[in-house]
C-alpha atoms as a PDB file:
ATOM      1  CA  MET A   1     106.175 -82.828 105.698  1.00  0.00           C
ATOM      2  CA  LYS A   2     105.195 -80.599 102.477  1.00  0.00           C
ATOM      3  CA  THR A   3     109.028 -80.245 100.975  1.00  0.00           C
ATOM      4  CA  ASP A   4     107.989 -78.016  98.206  1.00  0.00           C
ATOM      5  CA  SER A   5     106.451 -74.886 100.525  1.00  0.00           C
ATOM      6  CA  VAL A   6     108.601 -75.532 103.387  1.00  0.00           C
ATOM      7  CA  ASN A   7     112.247 -76.125 101.693  1.00  0.00           C
ATOM      8  CA  LYS A   8     112.013 -73.226  99.605  1.00  0.00           C
ATOM      9  CA  ARG A   9     112.049 -68.993 100.404  1.00  0.00           C
ATOM     10  CA  VAL A  10     111.748 -66.901  98.023  1.00  0.00           C
ATOM     11  CA  GLY A  11     114.764 -63.662  98.132  1.00  0.00           C
ATOM     12  CA  GLN A  12     116.824 -65.615 100.763  1.00  0.00           C
ATOM     13  CA  GLY A  13     119.005 -68.211  98.332  1.00  0.00           C
ATOM     14  CA  GLY A  14     116.152 -70.952  99.003  1.00  0.00           C
ATOM     15  CA  TYR A  15     117.652 -72.704 101.676  1.00  0.00           C
ATOM     16  CA  VAL A  16     115.818 -73.549 104.888  1.00  0.00           C
ATOM     17  CA  SER A  17     117.638 -75.407 107.631  1.00  0.00           C
ATOM     18  CA  GLU A  18     116.154 -78.500 109.266  1.00  0.00           C
ATOM     19  CA  TYR A  19     115.549 -76.574 112.601  1.00  0.00           C
ATOM     20  CA  GLU A  20     113.603 -73.898 110.448  1.00  0.00           C
ATOM     21  CA  GLN A  21     111.154 -76.231 108.614  1.00  0.00           C
ATOM     22  CA  PHE A  22     110.047 -78.016 111.598  1.00  0.00           C
ATOM     23  CA  LEU A  23     109.467 -74.450 113.124  1.00  0.00           C
ATOM     24  CA  ASN A  24     107.448 -73.486 110.424  1.00  0.00           C
ATOM     25  CA  VAL A  25     105.653 -76.807 110.178  1.00  0.00           C
ATOM     26  CA  PHE A  26     105.002 -76.742 114.078  1.00  0.00           C
ATOM     27  CA  LEU A  27     103.790 -72.853 113.923  1.00  0.00           C
ATOM     28  CA  ALA A  28     101.345 -73.798 111.233  1.00  0.00           C
ATOM     29  CA  SER A  29      99.797 -76.678 112.735  1.00  0.00           C
ATOM     30  CA  ARG A  30      99.468 -75.309 116.204  1.00  0.00           C
ATOM     31  CA  PRO A  31      98.837 -71.387 115.798  1.00  0.00           C
ATOM     32  CA  GLU A  32      97.765 -71.255 119.485  1.00  0.00           C
ATOM     33  CA  VAL A  33     101.881 -70.529 120.418  1.00  0.00           C
ATOM     34  CA  ARG A  34     101.658 -67.513 118.205  1.00  0.00           C
ATOM     35  CA  ALA A  35      98.929 -66.144 120.228  1.00  0.00           C
ATOM     36  CA  ASP A  36     100.914 -67.256 123.575  1.00  0.00           C
ATOM     37  CA  GLN A  37     104.083 -65.508 121.858  1.00  0.00           C
ATOM     38  CA  LYS A  38     102.507 -62.440 121.342  1.00  0.00           C
ATOM     39  CA  ARG A  39     100.444 -62.395 124.566  1.00  0.00           C
ATOM     40  CA  GLY A  40     104.055 -62.601 126.328  1.00  0.00           C
ATOM     41  CA  TRP A  41     105.476 -59.858 124.353  1.00  0.00           C
ATOM     42  CA  ASP A  42     102.724 -57.646 125.254  1.00  0.00           C
ATOM     43  CA  ILE A  43     103.094 -58.324 129.178  1.00  0.00           C
ATOM     44  CA  TRP A  44     106.743 -57.440 128.892  1.00  0.00           C
ATOM     45  CA  TRP A  45     107.309 -54.956 126.052  1.00  0.00           C
ATOM     46  CA  ASP A  46     104.322 -53.436 125.054  1.00  0.00           C
ATOM     47  CA  HIS A  47     102.758 -51.813 127.906  1.00  0.00           C
ATOM     48  CA  GLN A  48     101.676 -48.692 128.985  1.00  0.00           C
ATOM     49  CA  VAL A  49     104.330 -46.145 131.176  1.00  0.00           C
ATOM     50  CA  ASP A  50     102.707 -44.157 133.658  1.00  0.00           C
ATOM     51  CA  SER A  51     104.784 -40.885 133.370  1.00  0.00           C
ATOM     52  CA  THR A  52     103.899 -39.610 136.425  1.00  0.00           C
ATOM     53  CA  ASP A  53     104.968 -42.649 138.310  1.00  0.00           C
ATOM     54  CA  LEU A  54     108.808 -42.148 136.418  1.00  0.00           C
ATOM     55  CA  GLU A  55     109.209 -38.354 138.171  1.00  0.00           C
ATOM     56  CA  PRO A  56     109.836 -39.414 141.801  1.00  0.00           C
ATOM     57  CA  ARG A  57     112.368 -42.073 140.320  1.00  0.00           C
ATOM     58  CA  ARG A  58     114.022 -39.705 138.173  1.00  0.00           C
ATOM     59  CA  ASN A  59     114.679 -37.558 141.722  1.00  0.00           C
ATOM     60  CA  ASP A  60     115.471 -39.840 143.733  1.00  0.00           C
ATOM     61  CA  ASP A  61     118.803 -40.477 141.539  1.00  0.00           C
ATOM     62  CA  VAL A  62     122.079 -39.552 143.436  1.00  0.00           C
ATOM     63  CA  SER A  63     124.758 -37.880 141.097  1.00  0.00           C
ATOM     64  CA  GLU A  64     127.842 -39.441 141.251  1.00  0.00           C
ATOM     65  CA  LYS A  65     131.133 -37.684 140.019  1.00  0.00           C
ATOM     66  CA  PRO A  66     132.513 -38.264 136.812  1.00  0.00           C
ATOM     67  CA  TYR A  67     135.503 -40.297 137.864  1.00  0.00           C
ATOM     68  CA  LYS A  68     134.929 -42.488 141.031  1.00  0.00           C
ATOM     69  CA  TYR A  69     138.667 -42.462 142.065  1.00  0.00           C
ATOM     70  CA  GLN A  70     139.366 -38.521 142.270  1.00  0.00           C
END
């Protein structure tokens, strides 16, 4: 393990935990993990939303009283 580049971080006090050192080395040796993370992020968060599909859902909402027990 390269300790010079892994153990020091600019602007953060210089301390890097053993766990973060492991992750840095792991991700540097396996770039496909980052690509897989991005693919998963795109599936769950960065997808296109069809606004015409949302309109019927808005119309189906049932309004509630502000205080249920009155």
